[in-house]
Amino acid sequence: MKFQNTNIEEKLEKERAKNGKSDEILAEVYQILQEDLQKQDRIQQTIQRGANYVTNQFDFDSLETNKIYHIDQIKNICIDYRLRFLDSKYFKGTIPQEAFSKIKVLEKTHEIQLKGFKVVAPSKLFKLEDKDDPLLFAPIGNDYFYLIHKWGNDLHPLRKVLVWPFKNIVNLALAVLIISYCCTSLIPSGLFSKTNSSSEFWIIFFFMFKSLAAVVIFYGFALGKNFNSAIWKSKYFNA
């Protein structure tokens, strides 16, 4: 006795026939897709339009506690890594589809429409007004925010070190002092005098420090740069 091979497509068609007519199934699929597309458009508009600070009425029993962050925790990370925490309407990058999917799941789970989205990202990813890893947040209330999605590449491992001088004026002064000392140490002894003395070293160091400090001050004023603690929530590129 010879057995025939099983055609999976035919089995699927029979299974579909059990659940209703083809026209009814097509109409149902079309309606589901249209509703999903409308949700996608609404979320997209909400992110692009932005909103003043709002409180989303989450069902706290359904929240993942490891994704809840206080504003002070977000502030500290933004200052350490020179990032900004701004309304989603200023974000000029692309929001991935996975983020939209997570928003839809959250809205269905908590039976709400999320608003007031915030993004943590480097300044270059925002459309800032005149004066490398985004995180999408939604406000919960009382200065707490819920992390919805993270995308993109991780920050450079040395970013915290590279932006450390811009954290505050004390760090900047220390950085200039260290660089001045290193540059002075590279100058050959006795280059400016026949005697090799410590006073010569410190005189050169003093002039080196003044020169570098002048360059840093000019750069800061000319390009409108500011310290990390001053820009983390600023919507101005020269804040």
C-alpha atoms as a PDB file:
ATOM      1  CA  MET A   1       0.000   0.000   0.000  1.00  0.00           C
ATOM      2  CA  LYS A   2       1.410   3.304  -1.084  1.00  0.00           C
ATOM      3  CA  PHE A   3       0.824   6.419   1.034  1.00  0.00           C
ATOM      4  CA  GLN A   4       0.497   9.827  -0.593  1.00  0.00           C
ATOM      5  CA  ASN A   5       2.635  12.724   0.551  1.00  0.00           C
ATOM      6  CA  THR A   6       0.965  15.329   2.721  1.00  0.00           C
ATOM      7  CA  ASN A   7       0.363  18.679   1.054  1.00  0.00           C
ATOM      8  CA  ILE A   8       0.586  21.281   3.828  1.00  0.00           C
ATOM      9  CA  GLU A   9      -1.013  23.991   1.680  1.00  0.00           C
ATOM     10  CA  GLU A  10      -4.108  21.834   1.151  1.00  0.00           C
ATOM     11  CA  LYS A  11      -4.273  21.147   4.880  1.00  0.00           C
ATOM     12  CA  LEU A  12      -4.105  24.868   5.564  1.00  0.00           C
ATOM     13  CA  GLU A  13      -6.909  25.557   3.082  1.00  0.00           C
ATOM     14  CA  LYS A  14      -9.118  22.952   4.763  1.00  0.00           C
ATOM     15  CA  GLU A  15      -8.328  24.416   8.198  1.00  0.00           C
ATOM     16  CA  ARG A  16      -9.235  27.895   6.943  1.00  0.00           C
ATOM     17  CA  ALA A  17     -12.479  26.587   5.417  1.00  0.00           C
ATOM     18  CA  LYS A  18     -13.579  25.391   8.860  1.00  0.00           C
ATOM     19  CA  ASN A  19     -13.463  28.959  10.205  1.00  0.00           C
ATOM     20  CA  GLY A  20     -15.570  30.682   7.543  1.00  0.00           C
ATOM     21  CA  LYS A  21     -15.825  31.818   3.960  1.00  0.00           C
ATOM     22  CA  SER A  22     -12.908  33.334   2.077  1.00  0.00           C
ATOM     23  CA  ASP A  23     -14.664  36.695   1.587  1.00  0.00           C
ATOM     24  CA  GLU A  24     -15.383  36.972   5.307  1.00  0.00           C
ATOM     25  CA  ILE A  25     -11.777  36.098   6.162  1.00  0.00           C
ATOM     26  CA  LEU A  26     -10.470  38.658   3.669  1.00  0.00           C
ATOM     27  CA  ALA A  27     -12.718  41.364   5.123  1.00  0.00           C
ATOM     28  CA  GLU A  28     -11.640  40.486   8.660  1.00  0.00           C
ATOM     29  CA  VAL A  29      -7.926  40.603   7.754  1.00  0.00           C
ATOM     30  CA  TYR A  30      -8.420  43.912   5.944  1.00  0.00           C
ATOM     31  CA  GLN A  31     -10.170  45.418   8.979  1.00  0.00           C
ATOM     32  CA  ILE A  32      -7.401  44.261  11.334  1.00  0.00           C
ATOM     33  CA  LEU A  33      -4.714  45.707   9.067  1.00  0.00           C
ATOM     34  CA  GLN A  34      -6.589  49.017   8.736  1.00  0.00           C
ATOM     35  CA  GLU A  35      -6.991  49.313  12.512  1.00  0.00           C
ATOM     36  CA  ASP A  36      -3.295  48.565  13.014  1.00  0.00           C
ATOM     37  CA  LEU A  37      -2.360  51.143  10.355  1.00  0.00           C
ATOM     38  CA  GLN A  38      -4.529  53.767  12.058  1.00  0.00           C
ATOM     39  CA  LYS A  39      -2.833  53.048  15.399  1.00  0.00           C
ATOM     40  CA  GLN A  40       0.568  53.334  13.722  1.00  0.00           C
ATOM     41  CA  ASP A  41      -0.343  56.709  12.201  1.00  0.00           C
ATOM     42  CA  ARG A  42      -1.703  58.008  15.513  1.00  0.00           C
ATOM     43  CA  ILE A  43       1.441  56.978  17.410  1.00  0.00           C
ATOM     44  CA  GLN A  44       3.651  58.470  14.691  1.00  0.00           C
ATOM     45  CA  GLN A  45       1.795  61.782  14.893  1.00  0.00           C
ATOM     46  CA  THR A  46       1.948  61.785  18.693  1.00  0.00           C
ATOM     47  CA  ILE A  47       5.734  61.264  18.619  1.00  0.00           C
ATOM     48  CA  GLN A  48       6.293  63.922  15.938  1.00  0.00           C
ATOM     49  CA  ARG A  49       3.912  66.458  17.453  1.00  0.00           C
ATOM     50  CA  GLY A  50       5.130  66.036  21.008  1.00  0.00           C
ATOM     51  CA  ALA A  51       3.241  67.311  24.020  1.00  0.00           C
ATOM     52  CA  ASN A  52       3.652  69.171  27.237  1.00  0.00           C
ATOM     53  CA  TYR A  53       4.399  67.062  30.262  1.00  0.00           C
ATOM     54  CA  VAL A  54       1.601  64.552  30.767  1.00  0.00           C
ATOM     55  CA  THR A  55       0.996  61.603  33.053  1.00  0.00           C
ATOM     56  CA  ASN A  56       0.071  58.287  31.462  1.00  0.00           C
ATOM     57  CA  GLN A  57      -2.314  56.225  33.552  1.00  0.00           C
ATOM     58  CA  PHE A  58      -0.412  52.943  33.523  1.00  0.00           C
ATOM     59  CA  ASP A  59      -1.648  49.805  35.240  1.00  0.00           C
ATOM     60  CA  PHE A  60       1.207  49.523  37.738  1.00  0.00           C
ATOM     61  CA  ASP A  61       0.657  45.790  38.253  1.00  0.00           C
ATOM     62  CA  SER A  62       1.516  45.259  34.574  1.00  0.00           C
ATOM     63  CA  LEU A  63       4.680  47.389  34.505  1.00  0.00           C
ATOM     64  CA  GLU A  64       8.189  45.935  34.467  1.00  0.00           C
ATOM     65  CA  THR A  65       9.912  47.567  37.443  1.00  0.00           C
ATOM     66  CA  ASN A  66      13.357  47.284  35.832  1.00  0.00           C
ATOM     67  CA  LYS A  67      12.211  49.726  33.131  1.00  0.00           C
ATOM     68  CA  ILE A  68      11.107  52.495  35.502  1.00  0.00           C
ATOM     69  CA  TYR A  69      13.588  55.359  35.961  1.00  0.00           C
ATOM     70  CA  HIS A  70      13.513  58.548  38.015  1.00  0.00           C
ATOM     71  CA  ILE A  71      14.396  61.871  36.407  1.00  0.00           C
ATOM     72  CA  ASP A  72      17.503  62.161  38.622  1.00  0.00           C
ATOM     73  CA  GLN A  73      18.858  58.844  37.306  1.00  0.00           C
ATOM     74  CA  ILE A  74      18.276  59.947  33.719  1.00  0.00           C
ATOM     75  CA  LYS A  75      19.891  63.327  34.469  1.00  0.00           C
ATOM     76  CA  ASN A  76      23.042  61.717  35.908  1.00  0.00           C
ATOM     77  CA  ILE A  77      23.512  59.494  32.840  1.00  0.00           C
ATOM     78  CA  CYS A  78      22.919  62.411  30.462  1.00  0.00           C
ATOM     79  CA  ILE A  79      25.508  64.530  32.280  1.00  0.00           C
ATOM     80  CA  ASP A  80      28.084  61.718  32.442  1.00  0.00           C
ATOM     81  CA  TYR A  81      27.801  60.895  28.727  1.00  0.00           C
ATOM     82  CA  ARG A  82      26.817  64.345  27.364  1.00  0.00           C
ATOM     83  CA  LEU A  83      23.362  63.282  26.181  1.00  0.00           C
ATOM     84  CA  ARG A  84      20.068  65.146  25.985  1.00  0.00           C
ATOM     85  CA  PHE A  85      16.636  64.224  27.344  1.00  0.00           C
ATOM     86  CA  LEU A  86      14.059  66.006  25.176  1.00  0.00           C
ATOM     87  CA  ASP A  87      10.529  65.731  23.810  1.00  0.00           C
ATOM     88  CA  SER A  88      10.220  63.266  20.946  1.00  0.00           C
ATOM     89  CA  LYS A  89       9.200  66.080  18.541  1.00  0.00           C
ATOM     90  CA  TYR A  90      12.828  67.282  18.496  1.00  0.00           C
ATOM     91  CA  PHE A  91      14.180  63.848  17.557  1.00  0.00           C
ATOM     92  CA  LYS A  92      15.255  63.766  13.892  1.00  0.00           C
ATOM     93  CA  GLY A  93      16.319  60.118  13.792  1.00  0.00           C
ATOM     94  CA  THR A  94      14.150  57.218  12.664  1.00  0.00           C
ATOM     95  CA  ILE A  95      11.943  55.464  15.201  1.00  0.00           C
ATOM     96  CA  PRO A  96      12.223  51.704  14.502  1.00  0.00           C
ATOM     97  CA  GLN A  97       9.152  49.565  13.863  1.00  0.00           C
ATOM     98  CA  GLU A  98       9.947  47.531  16.968  1.00  0.00           C
ATOM     99  CA  ALA A  99       9.345  50.637  19.101  1.00  0.00           C
ATOM    100  CA  PHE A 100       5.895  51.132  17.534  1.00  0.00           C
ATOM    101  CA  SER A 101       5.081  47.481  18.191  1.00  0.00           C
ATOM    102  CA  LYS A 102       6.027  47.835  21.853  1.00  0.00           C
ATOM    103  CA  ILE A 103       3.916  50.979  22.173  1.00  0.00           C
ATOM    104  CA  LYS A 104       0.897  49.135  20.710  1.00  0.00           C
ATOM    105  CA  VAL A 105       1.389  46.265  23.149  1.00  0.00           C
ATOM    106  CA  LEU A 106       1.647  48.682  26.080  1.00  0.00           C
ATOM    107  CA  GLU A 107      -1.474  50.562  24.999  1.00  0.00           C
ATOM    108  CA  LYS A 108      -3.426  47.322  24.668  1.00  0.00           C
ATOM    109  CA  THR A 109      -2.163  45.977  27.997  1.00  0.00           C
ATOM    110  CA  HIS A 110      -2.837  49.184  29.947  1.00  0.00           C
ATOM    111  CA  GLU A 111      -5.900  50.267  27.893  1.00  0.00           C
ATOM    112  CA  ILE A 112      -4.533  53.773  27.307  1.00  0.00           C
ATOM    113  CA  GLN A 113      -3.127  55.941  24.521  1.00  0.00           C
ATOM    114  CA  LEU A 114       0.458  56.881  25.382  1.00  0.00           C
ATOM    115  CA  LYS A 115       1.505  60.530  25.137  1.00  0.00           C
ATOM    116  CA  GLY A 116       4.374  62.791  26.156  1.00  0.00           C
ATOM    117  CA  PHE A 117       7.174  60.679  24.688  1.00  0.00           C
ATOM    118  CA  LYS A 118      10.767  61.582  25.604  1.00  0.00           C
ATOM    119  CA  VAL A 119      14.045  60.547  23.973  1.00  0.00           C
ATOM    120  CA  VAL A 120      17.583  60.230  25.381  1.00  0.00           C
ATOM    121  CA  ALA A 121      20.201  60.644  22.639  1.00  0.00           C
ATOM    122  CA  PRO A 122      23.304  62.649  21.626  1.00  0.00           C
ATOM    123  CA  SER A 123      22.702  66.257  20.518  1.00  0.00           C
ATOM    124  CA  LYS A 124      23.355  65.453  16.846  1.00  0.00           C
ATOM    125  CA  LEU A 125      20.200  63.312  16.732  1.00  0.00           C
ATOM    126  CA  PHE A 126      17.908  66.201  17.703  1.00  0.00           C
ATOM    127  CA  LYS A 127      16.506  69.118  15.713  1.00  0.00           C
ATOM    128  CA  LEU A 128      17.652  71.802  18.125  1.00  0.00           C
ATOM    129  CA  GLU A 129      16.432  75.392  18.077  1.00  0.00           C
ATOM    130  CA  ASP A 130      18.711  78.430  17.963  1.00  0.00           C
ATOM    131  CA  LYS A 131      19.690  80.137  21.168  1.00  0.00           C
ATOM    132  CA  ASP A 132      24.902  56.978  19.002  1.00  0.00           C
ATOM    133  CA  ASP A 133      21.915  55.241  21.203  1.00  0.00           C
ATOM    134  CA  PRO A 134      18.413  56.654  21.532  1.00  0.00           C
ATOM    135  CA  LEU A 135      16.086  55.591  24.365  1.00  0.00           C
ATOM    136  CA  LEU A 136      12.318  56.155  24.098  1.00  0.00           C
ATOM    137  CA  PHE A 137      10.478  56.954  27.362  1.00  0.00           C
ATOM    138  CA  ALA A 138       6.899  57.658  28.387  1.00  0.00           C
ATOM    139  CA  PRO A 139       6.114  59.645  31.567  1.00  0.00           C
ATOM    140  CA  ILE A 140       4.484  57.812  34.473  1.00  0.00           C
ATOM    141  CA  GLY A 141       4.180  60.710  36.897  1.00  0.00           C
ATOM    142  CA  ASN A 142       6.065  62.200  39.866  1.00  0.00           C
ATOM    143  CA  ASP A 143       9.225  62.518  37.723  1.00  0.00           C
ATOM    144  CA  TYR A 144       9.290  58.815  36.873  1.00  0.00           C
ATOM    145  CA  PHE A 145       9.572  57.554  33.288  1.00  0.00           C
ATOM    146  CA  TYR A 146       9.007  54.164  31.695  1.00  0.00           C
ATOM    147  CA  LEU A 147      11.584  52.901  29.176  1.00  0.00           C
ATOM    148  CA  ILE A 148       9.732  51.671  26.078  1.00  0.00           C
ATOM    149  CA  HIS A 149      12.536  50.849  23.659  1.00  0.00           C
ATOM    150  CA  LYS A 150      16.266  51.215  23.016  1.00  0.00           C
ATOM    151  CA  TRP A 151      17.753  50.967  19.534  1.00  0.00           C
ATOM    152  CA  GLY A 152      20.870  51.797  17.558  1.00  0.00           C
ATOM    153  CA  ASN A 153      24.471  51.034  18.448  1.00  0.00           C
ATOM    154  CA  ASP A 154      25.921  51.266  21.934  1.00  0.00           C
ATOM    155  CA  LEU A 155      27.915  54.344  22.879  1.00  0.00           C
ATOM    156  CA  HIS A 156      31.664  54.316  22.383  1.00  0.00           C
ATOM    157  CA  PRO A 157      33.321  52.730  25.464  1.00  0.00           C
ATOM    158  CA  LEU A 158      35.494  55.834  25.934  1.00  0.00           C
ATOM    159  CA  ARG A 159      32.668  58.377  25.508  1.00  0.00           C
ATOM    160  CA  LYS A 160      32.364  58.974  29.266  1.00  0.00           C
ATOM    161  CA  VAL A 161      36.109  59.707  29.458  1.00  0.00           C
ATOM    162  CA  LEU A 162      36.111  61.899  26.337  1.00  0.00           C
ATOM    163  CA  VAL A 163      33.233  64.082  27.568  1.00  0.00           C
ATOM    164  CA  TRP A 164      34.441  64.158  31.205  1.00  0.00           C
ATOM    165  CA  PRO A 165      36.121  67.614  30.789  1.00  0.00           C
ATOM    166  CA  PHE A 166      32.764  69.095  29.693  1.00  0.00           C
ATOM    167  CA  LYS A 167      30.933  67.872  32.779  1.00  0.00           C
ATOM    168  CA  ASN A 168      31.670  71.072  34.758  1.00  0.00           C
ATOM    169  CA  ILE A 169      34.201  73.901  34.989  1.00  0.00           C
ATOM    170  CA  VAL A 170      36.339  72.073  37.582  1.00  0.00           C
ATOM    171  CA  ASN A 171      36.786  69.081  35.290  1.00  0.00           C
ATOM    172  CA  LEU A 172      37.608  71.374  32.360  1.00  0.00           C
ATOM    173  CA  ALA A 173      40.260  73.229  34.375  1.00  0.00           C
ATOM    174  CA  LEU A 174      41.815  69.946  35.524  1.00  0.00           C
ATOM    175  CA  ALA A 175      41.862  68.646  31.951  1.00  0.00           C
ATOM    176  CA  VAL A 176      43.614  71.803  30.713  1.00  0.00           C
ATOM    177  CA  LEU A 177      46.145  71.519  33.566  1.00  0.00           C
ATOM    178  CA  ILE A 178      46.893  67.869  32.753  1.00  0.00           C
ATOM    179  CA  ILE A 179      47.255  68.524  29.021  1.00  0.00           C
ATOM    180  CA  SER A 180      49.456  71.565  29.713  1.00  0.00           C
ATOM    181  CA  TYR A 181      51.712  69.496  31.969  1.00  0.00           C
ATOM    182  CA  CYS A 182      52.000  66.722  29.363  1.00  0.00           C
ATOM    183  CA  CYS A 183      52.800  69.213  26.573  1.00  0.00           C
ATOM    184  CA  THR A 184      55.394  70.961  28.748  1.00  0.00           C
ATOM    185  CA  SER A 185      57.042  67.621  29.525  1.00  0.00           C
ATOM    186  CA  LEU A 186      57.496  66.998  25.792  1.00  0.00           C
ATOM    187  CA  ILE A 187      59.574  70.165  25.350  1.00  0.00           C
ATOM    188  CA  PRO A 188      63.328  69.323  25.486  1.00  0.00           C
ATOM    189  CA  SER A 189      65.158  70.594  28.570  1.00  0.00           C
ATOM    190  CA  GLY A 190      67.326  73.678  27.978  1.00  0.00           C
ATOM    191  CA  LEU A 191      65.540  74.603  24.757  1.00  0.00           C
ATOM    192  CA  PHE A 192      64.946  78.181  25.908  1.00  0.00           C
ATOM    193  CA  SER A 193      67.939  78.569  28.256  1.00  0.00           C
ATOM    194  CA  LYS A 194      71.379  77.119  28.766  1.00  0.00           C
ATOM    195  CA  THR A 195      70.630  76.017  32.307  1.00  0.00           C
ATOM    196  CA  ASN A 196      68.304  73.167  33.133  1.00  0.00           C
ATOM    197  CA  SER A 197      66.204  74.325  36.108  1.00  0.00           C
ATOM    198  CA  SER A 198      62.775  73.636  37.546  1.00  0.00           C
ATOM    199  CA  SER A 199      61.848  77.319  37.254  1.00  0.00           C
ATOM    200  CA  GLU A 200      62.182  77.090  33.470  1.00  0.00           C
ATOM    201  CA  PHE A 201      59.799  74.127  33.422  1.00  0.00           C
ATOM    202  CA  TRP A 202      57.142  75.924  35.479  1.00  0.00           C
ATOM    203  CA  ILE A 203      57.435  79.116  33.431  1.00  0.00           C
ATOM    204  CA  ILE A 204      56.880  77.133  30.231  1.00  0.00           C
ATOM    205  CA  PHE A 205      54.028  75.266  31.930  1.00  0.00           C
ATOM    206  CA  PHE A 206      52.410  78.591  32.914  1.00  0.00           C
ATOM    207  CA  PHE A 207      52.531  79.922  29.351  1.00  0.00           C
ATOM    208  CA  MET A 208      51.332  76.573  27.985  1.00  0.00           C
ATOM    209  CA  PHE A 209      48.385  76.602  30.378  1.00  0.00           C
ATOM    210  CA  LYS A 210      47.456  80.176  29.438  1.00  0.00           C
ATOM    211  CA  SER A 211      47.597  79.340  25.732  1.00  0.00           C
ATOM    212  CA  LEU A 212      45.447  76.229  26.006  1.00  0.00           C
ATOM    213  CA  ALA A 213      42.987  77.956  28.325  1.00  0.00           C
ATOM    214  CA  ALA A 214      42.625  80.798  25.807  1.00  0.00           C
ATOM    215  CA  VAL A 215      41.911  78.308  23.005  1.00  0.00           C
ATOM    216  CA  VAL A 216      39.333  76.473  25.129  1.00  0.00           C
ATOM    217  CA  ILE A 217      37.587  79.703  26.143  1.00  0.00           C
ATOM    218  CA  PHE A 218      37.539  80.961  22.548  1.00  0.00           C
ATOM    219  CA  TYR A 219      36.192  77.615  21.314  1.00  0.00           C
ATOM    220  CA  GLY A 220      33.508  77.609  24.002  1.00  0.00           C
ATOM    221  CA  PHE A 221      32.281  81.128  23.292  1.00  0.00           C
ATOM    222  CA  ALA A 222      32.655  80.983  19.514  1.00  0.00           C
ATOM    223  CA  LEU A 223      30.633  77.770  19.113  1.00  0.00           C
ATOM    224  CA  GLY A 224      28.249  78.401  21.995  1.00  0.00           C
ATOM    225  CA  LYS A 225      29.274  75.280  23.886  1.00  0.00           C
ATOM    226  CA  ASN A 226      28.198  74.645  27.450  1.00  0.00           C
ATOM    227  CA  PHE A 227      28.702  72.073  30.204  1.00  0.00           C
ATOM    228  CA  ASN A 228      26.836  68.762  30.318  1.00  0.00           C
ATOM    229  CA  SER A 229      24.808  69.797  33.360  1.00  0.00           C
ATOM    230  CA  ALA A 230      23.457  72.825  31.446  1.00  0.00           C
ATOM    231  CA  ILE A 231      22.426  71.132  28.189  1.00  0.00           C
ATOM    232  CA  TRP A 232      20.931  67.776  29.193  1.00  0.00           C
ATOM    233  CA  LYS A 233      17.358  69.148  29.037  1.00  0.00           C
ATOM    234  CA  SER A 234      17.951  72.125  26.751  1.00  0.00           C
ATOM    235  CA  LYS A 235      16.290  72.303  23.324  1.00  0.00           C
ATOM    236  CA  TYR A 236      18.817  74.902  22.115  1.00  0.00           C
ATOM    237  CA  PHE A 237      22.004  73.851  20.325  1.00  0.00           C
ATOM    238  CA  ASN A 238      23.968  76.784  21.777  1.00  0.00           C
ATOM    239  CA  ALA A 239      22.538  76.595  25.300  1.00  0.00           C
END
